[in-house]
PDB file of N, CA and C in Angstrom:
ATOM      1  N   MET A   1     258.677 219.193 104.043  1.00  0.00           N
ATOM      2  CA  MET A   1     259.262 218.345 104.924  1.00  0.00           C
ATOM      3  C   MET A   1     260.956 218.656 104.927  1.00  0.00           C
ATOM      4  N   ALA A   2     261.229 219.128 106.276  1.00  0.00           N
ATOM      5  CA  ALA A   2     262.802 219.177 105.935  1.00  0.00           C
ATOM      6  C   ALA A   2     263.861 218.471 105.361  1.00  0.00           C
ATOM      7  N   GLY A   3     264.555 218.721 104.686  1.00  0.00           N
ATOM      8  CA  GLY A   3     265.675 218.037 103.593  1.00  0.00           C
ATOM      9  C   GLY A   3     265.150 218.116 102.404  1.00  0.00           C
ATOM     10  N   VAL A   4     263.712 217.671 101.957  1.00  0.00           N
ATOM     11  CA  VAL A   4     263.246 217.405 100.709  1.00  0.00           C
ATOM     12  C   VAL A   4     263.612 218.344  99.523  1.00  0.00           C
ATOM     13  N   PRO A   5     264.217 217.933  98.644  1.00  0.00           N
ATOM     14  CA  PRO A   5     264.936 218.753  97.746  1.00  0.00           C
ATOM     15  C   PRO A   5     263.855 219.292  96.639  1.00  0.00           C
ATOM     16  N   MET A   6     263.939 220.364  96.493  1.00  0.00           N
ATOM     17  CA  MET A   6     262.883 221.060  95.252  1.00  0.00           C
ATOM     18  C   MET A   6     263.326 220.739  94.093  1.00  0.00           C
ATOM     19  N   THR A   7     262.649 219.568  93.638  1.00  0.00           N
ATOM     20  CA  THR A   7     263.335 219.412  92.398  1.00  0.00           C
ATOM     21  C   THR A   7     261.828 220.097  91.023  1.00  0.00           C
ATOM     22  N   ASP A   8     262.497 219.889  89.839  1.00  0.00           N
ATOM     23  CA  ASP A   8     261.751 220.431  88.595  1.00  0.00           C
ATOM     24  C   ASP A   8     260.440 219.589  89.018  1.00  0.00           C
ATOM     25  N   ASP A   9     260.470 218.298  88.940  1.00  0.00           N
ATOM     26  CA  ASP A   9     259.177 217.751  89.064  1.00  0.00           C
ATOM     27  C   ASP A   9     257.952 217.876  89.900  1.00  0.00           C
ATOM     28  N   ARG A  10     258.835 218.367  91.365  1.00  0.00           N
ATOM     29  CA  ARG A  10     258.037 218.809  92.575  1.00  0.00           C
ATOM     30  C   ARG A  10     257.160 220.189  91.973  1.00  0.00           C
ATOM     31  N   GLU A  11     258.031 221.066  91.848  1.00  0.00           N
ATOM     32  CA  GLU A  11     257.726 222.543  91.283  1.00  0.00           C
ATOM     33  C   GLU A  11     256.676 222.357  90.205  1.00  0.00           C
ATOM     34  N   GLN A  12     256.734 221.636  88.983  1.00  0.00           N
ATOM     35  CA  GLN A  12     255.834 221.403  88.133  1.00  0.00           C
ATOM     36  C   GLN A  12     254.263 220.758  88.710  1.00  0.00           C
ATOM     37  N   GLN A  13     254.319 219.810  89.423  1.00  0.00           N
ATOM     38  CA  GLN A  13     253.310 219.456  90.335  1.00  0.00           C
ATOM     39  C   GLN A  13     252.667 220.485  91.124  1.00  0.00           C
ATOM     40  N   ILE A  14     253.718 221.025  91.799  1.00  0.00           N
ATOM     41  CA  ILE A  14     252.638 222.427  92.604  1.00  0.00           C
ATOM     42  C   ILE A  14     252.274 223.281  91.732  1.00  0.00           C
ATOM     43  N   ARG A  15     252.771 223.934  90.426  1.00  0.00           N
ATOM     44  CA  ARG A  15     252.235 224.783  89.678  1.00  0.00           C
ATOM     45  C   ARG A  15     251.260 224.074  89.172  1.00  0.00           C
ATOM     46  N   ARG A  16     250.818 222.935  88.719  1.00  0.00           N
ATOM     47  CA  ARG A  16     249.967 222.119  87.998  1.00  0.00           C
ATOM     48  C   ARG A  16     248.392 222.350  89.153  1.00  0.00           C
ATOM     49  N   ALA A  17     249.112 221.590  90.345  1.00  0.00           N
ATOM     50  CA  ALA A  17     247.934 222.074  91.565  1.00  0.00           C
ATOM     51  C   ALA A  17     247.377 223.422  91.775  1.00  0.00           C
ATOM     52  N   ARG A  18     248.148 224.339  91.436  1.00  0.00           N
ATOM     53  CA  ARG A  18     247.661 225.730  91.572  1.00  0.00           C
ATOM     54  C   ARG A  18     246.435 225.790  90.213  1.00  0.00           C
ATOM     55  N   GLU A  19     246.914 225.684  89.162  1.00  0.00           N
ATOM     56  CA  GLU A  19     246.061 225.931  88.097  1.00  0.00           C
ATOM     57  C   GLU A  19     244.700 225.117  88.534  1.00  0.00           C
ATOM     58  N   VAL A  20     244.791 223.718  89.003  1.00  0.00           N
ATOM     59  CA  VAL A  20     243.624 222.957  88.991  1.00  0.00           C
ATOM     60  C   VAL A  20     242.406 223.847  89.958  1.00  0.00           C
ATOM     61  N   LEU A  21     243.517 224.329  91.103  1.00  0.00           N
ATOM     62  CA  LEU A  21     242.642 225.048  92.143  1.00  0.00           C
ATOM     63  C   LEU A  21     241.713 226.669  91.690  1.00  0.00           C
ATOM     64  N   SER A  22     242.690 227.196  90.885  1.00  0.00           N
ATOM     65  CA  SER A  22     242.160 228.156  90.353  1.00  0.00           C
ATOM     66  C   SER A  22     241.341 228.659  89.253  1.00  0.00           C
ATOM     67  N   ASP A  23     241.826 227.539  88.124  1.00  0.00           N
ATOM     68  CA  ASP A  23     240.994 227.466  87.267  1.00  0.00           C
ATOM     69  C   ASP A  23     239.534 226.571  87.186  1.00  0.00           C
ATOM     70  N   ALA A  24     239.512 225.379  88.245  1.00  0.00           N
ATOM     71  CA  ALA A  24     238.457 224.525  88.173  1.00  0.00           C
ATOM     72  C   ALA A  24     237.291 224.610  89.152  1.00  0.00           C
ATOM     73  N   GLY A  25     237.396 225.938  90.109  1.00  0.00           N
ATOM     74  CA  GLY A  25     236.097 225.864  90.753  1.00  0.00           C
ATOM     75  C   GLY A  25     234.895 225.424  90.237  1.00  0.00           C
ATOM     76  N   TRP A  26     234.462 225.955  89.042  1.00  0.00           N
ATOM     77  CA  TRP A  26     233.212 225.267  88.796  1.00  0.00           C
ATOM     78  C   TRP A  26     233.368 223.787  88.377  1.00  0.00           C
ATOM     79  N   LEU A  27     234.491 223.052  88.419  1.00  0.00           N
ATOM     80  CA  LEU A  27     234.637 221.741  88.017  1.00  0.00           C
ATOM     81  C   LEU A  27     234.167 220.815  89.172  1.00  0.00           C
ATOM     82  N   PHE A  28     234.379 221.543  90.604  1.00  0.00           N
ATOM     83  CA  PHE A  28     233.938 220.670  91.903  1.00  0.00           C
ATOM     84  C   PHE A  28     232.736 220.916  91.840  1.00  0.00           C
ATOM     85  N   ASP A  29     231.935 222.186  91.393  1.00  0.00           N
ATOM     86  CA  ASP A  29     230.449 222.239  91.610  1.00  0.00           C
ATOM     87  C   ASP A  29     229.786 221.279  90.701  1.00  0.00           C
ATOM     88  N   ASP A  30     230.135 221.396  89.607  1.00  0.00           N
ATOM     89  CA  ASP A  30     229.650 220.577  88.377  1.00  0.00           C
ATOM     90  C   ASP A  30     229.939 218.908  88.869  1.00  0.00           C
ATOM     91  N   PHE A  31     230.927 218.218  89.300  1.00  0.00           N
ATOM     92  CA  PHE A  31     231.348 217.053  89.585  1.00  0.00           C
ATOM     93  C   PHE A  31     230.069 216.645  90.712  1.00  0.00           C
ATOM     94  N   VAL A  32     230.189 217.664  91.740  1.00  0.00           N
ATOM     95  CA  VAL A  32     229.000 217.094  92.720  1.00  0.00           C
ATOM     96  C   VAL A  32     227.517 217.059  92.075  1.00  0.00           C
ATOM     97  N   ASN A  33     227.150 218.159  91.404  1.00  0.00           N
ATOM     98  CA  ASN A  33     225.635 218.201  90.884  1.00  0.00           C
ATOM     99  C   ASN A  33     225.418 217.576  89.738  1.00  0.00           C
ATOM    100  N   ASN A  34     226.201 217.118  89.327  1.00  0.00           N
ATOM    101  CA  ASN A  34     226.090 216.457  87.551  1.00  0.00           C
ATOM    102  C   ASN A  34     225.595 214.928  88.103  1.00  0.00           C
ATOM    103  N   GLY A  35     224.478 214.631  87.621  1.00  0.00           N
ATOM    104  CA  GLY A  35     224.062 213.215  87.498  1.00  0.00           C
ATOM    105  C   GLY A  35     223.717 212.774  88.854  1.00  0.00           C
ATOM    106  N   CYS A  36     223.388 213.503  90.097  1.00  0.00           N
ATOM    107  CA  CYS A  36     223.389 213.014  91.605  1.00  0.00           C
ATOM    108  C   CYS A  36     222.011 212.413  91.512  1.00  0.00           C
ATOM    109  N   GLY A  37     221.609 211.107  91.374  1.00  0.00           N
ATOM    110  CA  GLY A  37     220.623 210.540  91.349  1.00  0.00           C
ATOM    111  C   GLY A  37     219.935 210.453  92.915  1.00  0.00           C
ATOM    112  N   THR A  38     220.884 210.237  93.934  1.00  0.00           N
ATOM    113  CA  THR A  38     220.351 209.832  95.212  1.00  0.00           C
ATOM    114  C   THR A  38     220.685 210.964  96.268  1.00  0.00           C
ATOM    115  N   ARG A  39     220.577 211.228  97.578  1.00  0.00           N
ATOM    116  CA  ARG A  39     220.888 212.032  98.248  1.00  0.00           C
ATOM    117  C   ARG A  39     222.420 210.975  98.783  1.00  0.00           C
ATOM    118  N   GLU A  40     222.503 209.882  98.735  1.00  0.00           N
ATOM    119  CA  GLU A  40     223.909 209.275  99.147  1.00  0.00           C
ATOM    120  C   GLU A  40     225.131 209.383  97.847  1.00  0.00           C
ATOM    121  N   GLU A  41     224.587 209.460  96.896  1.00  0.00           N
ATOM    122  CA  GLU A  41     225.334 209.978  95.557  1.00  0.00           C
ATOM    123  C   GLU A  41     225.936 210.939  95.544  1.00  0.00           C
ATOM    124  N   ALA A  42     225.154 212.561  95.860  1.00  0.00           N
ATOM    125  CA  ALA A  42     225.286 213.391  96.168  1.00  0.00           C
ATOM    126  C   ALA A  42     226.378 213.662  97.142  1.00  0.00           C
ATOM    127  N   TYR A  43     226.185 213.140  98.303  1.00  0.00           N
ATOM    128  CA  TYR A  43     226.907 213.309  99.740  1.00  0.00           C
ATOM    129  C   TYR A  43     228.493 212.845  98.950  1.00  0.00           C
ATOM    130  N   ARG A  44     228.214 211.603  98.816  1.00  0.00           N
ATOM    131  CA  ARG A  44     229.926 210.961  98.152  1.00  0.00           C
ATOM    132  C   ARG A  44     230.263 211.939  97.310  1.00  0.00           C
ATOM    133  N   ARG A  45     229.662 212.247  95.855  1.00  0.00           N
ATOM    134  CA  ARG A  45     230.338 213.154  94.866  1.00  0.00           C
ATOM    135  C   ARG A  45     230.811 214.499  96.164  1.00  0.00           C
ATOM    136  N   ALA A  46     230.247 215.010  97.053  1.00  0.00           N
ATOM    137  CA  ALA A  46     230.354 216.343  97.344  1.00  0.00           C
ATOM    138  C   ALA A  46     232.012 216.149  98.402  1.00  0.00           C
ATOM    139  N   ARG A  47     231.785 214.654  99.254  1.00  0.00           N
ATOM    140  CA  ARG A  47     233.168 214.401  99.723  1.00  0.00           C
ATOM    141  C   ARG A  47     234.171 214.391  99.040  1.00  0.00           C
ATOM    142  N   VAL A  48     234.130 213.494  97.817  1.00  0.00           N
ATOM    143  CA  VAL A  48     235.333 213.349  96.919  1.00  0.00           C
ATOM    144  C   VAL A  48     235.818 215.000  96.655  1.00  0.00           C
ATOM    145  N   ALA A  49     234.993 215.475  95.991  1.00  0.00           N
ATOM    146  CA  ALA A  49     235.903 216.734  95.364  1.00  0.00           C
ATOM    147  C   ALA A  49     236.137 218.000  96.849  1.00  0.00           C
ATOM    148  N   THR A  50     235.779 217.688  97.727  1.00  0.00           N
ATOM    149  CA  THR A  50     236.071 218.273  99.038  1.00  0.00           C
ATOM    150  C   THR A  50     237.425 217.416  99.641  1.00  0.00           C
ATOM    151  N   GLU A  51     237.618 216.820  99.175  1.00  0.00           N
ATOM    152  CA  GLU A  51     239.007 215.653  99.863  1.00  0.00           C
ATOM    153  C   GLU A  51     239.760 216.110  98.301  1.00  0.00           C
ATOM    154  N   LEU A  52     239.725 215.858  97.555  1.00  0.00           N
ATOM    155  CA  LEU A  52     240.630 216.576  96.203  1.00  0.00           C
ATOM    156  C   LEU A  52     240.834 217.642  96.566  1.00  0.00           C
ATOM    157  N   LYS A  53     240.428 219.006  96.751  1.00  0.00           N
ATOM    158  CA  LYS A  53     240.407 220.409  96.911  1.00  0.00           C
ATOM    159  C   LYS A  53     241.537 220.569  97.872  1.00  0.00           C
ATOM    160  N   ALA A  54     240.814 219.493  99.195  1.00  0.00           N
ATOM    161  CA  ALA A  54     241.722 219.723 100.587  1.00  0.00           C
ATOM    162  C   ALA A  54     243.268 219.311 100.152  1.00  0.00           C
ATOM    163  N   GLY A  55     243.498 218.311  99.458  1.00  0.00           N
ATOM    164  CA  GLY A  55     244.606 217.677  99.042  1.00  0.00           C
ATOM    165  C   GLY A  55     245.683 218.635  98.315  1.00  0.00           C
ATOM    166  N   LEU A  56     245.009 219.141  97.338  1.00  0.00           N
ATOM    167  CA  LEU A  56     245.631 219.933  96.668  1.00  0.00           C
ATOM    168  C   LEU A  56     246.024 221.181  97.077  1.00  0.00           C
ATOM    169  N   GLU A  57     245.435 221.773  98.192  1.00  0.00           N
ATOM    170  CA  GLU A  57     245.746 222.723  98.791  1.00  0.00           C
ATOM    171  C   GLU A  57     246.931 222.325  99.812  1.00  0.00           C
ATOM    172  N   SER A  58     246.579 221.597 100.562  1.00  0.00           N
ATOM    173  CA  SER A  58     247.737 220.752 101.377  1.00  0.00           C
ATOM    174  C   SER A  58     248.858 220.900 100.919  1.00  0.00           C
ATOM    175  N   LEU A  59     248.725 219.982  99.449  1.00  0.00           N
ATOM    176  CA  LEU A  59     250.085 220.061  98.751  1.00  0.00           C
ATOM    177  C   LEU A  59     250.849 221.313  98.638  1.00  0.00           C
ATOM    178  N   ILE A  60     249.944 222.588  98.261  1.00  0.00           N
ATOM    179  CA  ILE A  60     250.711 223.618  97.971  1.00  0.00           C
ATOM    180  C   ILE A  60     251.322 224.235  99.298  1.00  0.00           C
ATOM    181  N   GLU A  61     250.215 224.125 100.009  1.00  0.00           N
ATOM    182  CA  GLU A  61     250.986 224.625 101.593  1.00  0.00           C
ATOM    183  C   GLU A  61     252.479 224.049 102.019  1.00  0.00           C
ATOM    184  N   SER A  62     252.142 222.683 101.891  1.00  0.00           N
ATOM    185  CA  SER A  62     253.573 222.344 102.169  1.00  0.00           C
ATOM    186  C   SER A  62     254.504 222.658 101.197  1.00  0.00           C
ATOM    187  N   TYR A  63     254.293 222.907 100.172  1.00  0.00           N
ATOM    188  CA  TYR A  63     255.393 223.025  99.094  1.00  0.00           C
ATOM    189  C   TYR A  63     256.124 224.751  99.931  1.00  0.00           C
ATOM    190  N   GLU A  64     254.736 225.401 100.135  1.00  0.00           N
ATOM    191  CA  GLU A  64     255.420 226.361 100.378  1.00  0.00           C
ATOM    192  C   GLU A  64     256.392 226.745 101.694  1.00  0.00           C
ATOM    193  N   ALA A  65     255.936 225.836 102.515  1.00  0.00           N
ATOM    194  CA  ALA A  65     256.648 225.924 103.760  1.00  0.00           C
ATOM    195  C   ALA A  65     257.618 225.366 103.483  1.00  0.00           C
ATOM    196  N   ASP A  66     257.876 224.516 102.664  1.00  0.00           N
ATOM    197  CA  ASP A  66     259.203 223.672 102.715  1.00  0.00           C
ATOM    198  C   ASP A  66     260.175 224.861 101.833  1.00  0.00           C
ATOM    199  N   SER A  67     259.676 225.255 100.672  1.00  0.00           N
ATOM    200  CA  SER A  67     260.059 226.703 100.088  1.00  0.00           C
ATOM    201  C   SER A  67     260.956 227.186 101.149  1.00  0.00           C
ATOM    202  N   ALA A  68     259.956 228.306 102.248  1.00  0.00           N
ATOM    203  CA  ALA A  68     260.383 229.094 103.299  1.00  0.00           C
ATOM    204  C   ALA A  68     261.343 228.893 103.958  1.00  0.00           C
ATOM    205  N   LEU A  69     261.289 227.724 104.560  1.00  0.00           N
ATOM    206  CA  LEU A  69     262.598 226.577 105.162  1.00  0.00           C
ATOM    207  C   LEU A  69     263.891 226.608 104.523  1.00  0.00           C
ATOM    208  N   VAL A  70     263.760 226.879 103.685  1.00  0.00           N
ATOM    209  CA  VAL A  70     264.851 226.426 102.563  1.00  0.00           C
ATOM    210  C   VAL A  70     265.347 227.666 102.247  1.00  0.00           C
ATOM    211  N   ALA A  71     264.960 228.943 102.585  1.00  0.00           N
ATOM    212  CA  ALA A  71     265.224 230.087 102.104  1.00  0.00           C
ATOM    213  C   ALA A  71     265.904 230.444 103.088  1.00  0.00           C
ATOM    214  N   LYS A  72     265.096 230.642 104.753  1.00  0.00           N
ATOM    215  CA  LYS A  72     265.317 230.665 105.502  1.00  0.00           C
ATOM    216  C   LYS A  72     266.896 230.028 106.322  1.00  0.00           C
ATOM    217  N   ARG A  73     267.191 228.593 105.923  1.00  0.00           N
ATOM    218  CA  ARG A  73     268.261 228.277 105.847  1.00  0.00           C
ATOM    219  C   ARG A  73     269.318 228.984 105.301  1.00  0.00           C
ATOM    220  N   LEU A  74     269.241 228.612 103.832  1.00  0.00           N
ATOM    221  CA  LEU A  74     270.599 229.691 103.256  1.00  0.00           C
ATOM    222  C   LEU A  74     270.305 230.771 103.532  1.00  0.00           C
ATOM    223  N   GLU A  75     269.603 231.688 103.946  1.00  0.00           N
ATOM    224  CA  GLU A  75     269.815 233.024 104.640  1.00  0.00           C
ATOM    225  C   GLU A  75     270.540 232.609 106.077  1.00  0.00           C
ATOM    226  N   ARG A  76     270.803 232.142 106.558  1.00  0.00           N
ATOM    227  CA  ARG A  76     271.520 231.650 107.924  1.00  0.00           C
ATOM    228  C   ARG A  76     272.768 231.190 107.547  1.00  0.00           C
ATOM    229  N   LEU A  77     273.079 230.456 106.629  1.00  0.00           N
ATOM    230  CA  LEU A  77     274.095 229.977 105.909  1.00  0.00           C
ATOM    231  C   LEU A  77     274.745 231.320 105.290  1.00  0.00           C
ATOM    232  N   LYS A  78     274.320 231.899 104.831  1.00  0.00           N
ATOM    233  CA  LYS A  78     274.896 233.117 104.379  1.00  0.00           C
ATOM    234  C   LYS A  78     275.729 234.110 105.154  1.00  0.00           C
ATOM    235  N   GLU A  79     274.810 234.128 106.080  1.00  0.00           N
ATOM    236  CA  GLU A  79     274.791 235.061 107.171  1.00  0.00           C
ATOM    237  C   GLU A  79     276.340 234.502 108.104  1.00  0.00           C
ATOM    238  N   ARG A  80     276.172 232.942 108.106  1.00  0.00           N
ATOM    239  CA  ARG A  80     277.562 232.827 108.824  1.00  0.00           C
ATOM    240  C   ARG A  80     278.814 232.409 108.053  1.00  0.00           C
ATOM    241  N   ARG A  81     278.442 232.555 106.904  1.00  0.00           N
ATOM    242  CA  ARG A  81     279.789 232.960 106.338  1.00  0.00           C
ATOM    243  C   ARG A  81     280.305 233.719 105.854  1.00  0.00           C
ATOM    244  N   GLU A  82     279.512 235.170 105.920  1.00  0.00           N
ATOM    245  CA  GLU A  82     279.875 236.540 106.158  1.00  0.00           C
ATOM    246  C   GLU A  82     280.227 236.905 107.379  1.00  0.00           C
ATOM    247  N   HIS A  83     280.008 236.059 108.477  1.00  0.00           N
ATOM    248  CA  HIS A  83     280.868 236.613 109.474  1.00  0.00           C
ATOM    249  C   HIS A  83     281.783 235.970 110.039  1.00  0.00           C
ATOM    250  N   HIS A  84     281.855 234.822 109.286  1.00  0.00           N
ATOM    251  CA  HIS A  84     282.998 233.823 109.489  1.00  0.00           C
ATOM    252  C   HIS A  84     284.527 234.735 108.426  1.00  0.00           C
ATOM    253  N   ARG A  85     283.910 235.783 107.438  1.00  0.00           N
ATOM    254  CA  ARG A  85     285.022 236.378 106.697  1.00  0.00           C
ATOM    255  C   ARG A  85     285.281 237.477 107.291  1.00  0.00           C
ATOM    256  N   ARG A  86     284.897 238.036 108.165  1.00  0.00           N
ATOM    257  CA  ARG A  86     285.077 239.086 109.111  1.00  0.00           C
ATOM    258  C   ARG A  86     285.720 238.862 109.930  1.00  0.00           C
ATOM    259  N   ILE A  87     285.992 237.536 110.604  1.00  0.00           N
ATOM    260  CA  ILE A  87     286.963 237.002 111.733  1.00  0.00           C
ATOM    261  C   ILE A  87     288.011 237.015 111.048  1.00  0.00           C
TER     262      ILE A  87
END
């Protein structure tokens, strides 16, 4: 989101989301397959695991997009300042 500050808490949240996604692929499978007695329960578990994974991926993608936008804005600001110094 434009104007969202990159706080230490948010960066820590992103690091944790990345850790969960990279280290817990087996966790999603285990969650879906562990103790599913009925087809409905298996479907519900699969949906929850998929939504959780998608939510973490979305959080990371949003953070990366915000970071790229902030970097571009800082670069433009730097270029403008350099241009004004030359004038």
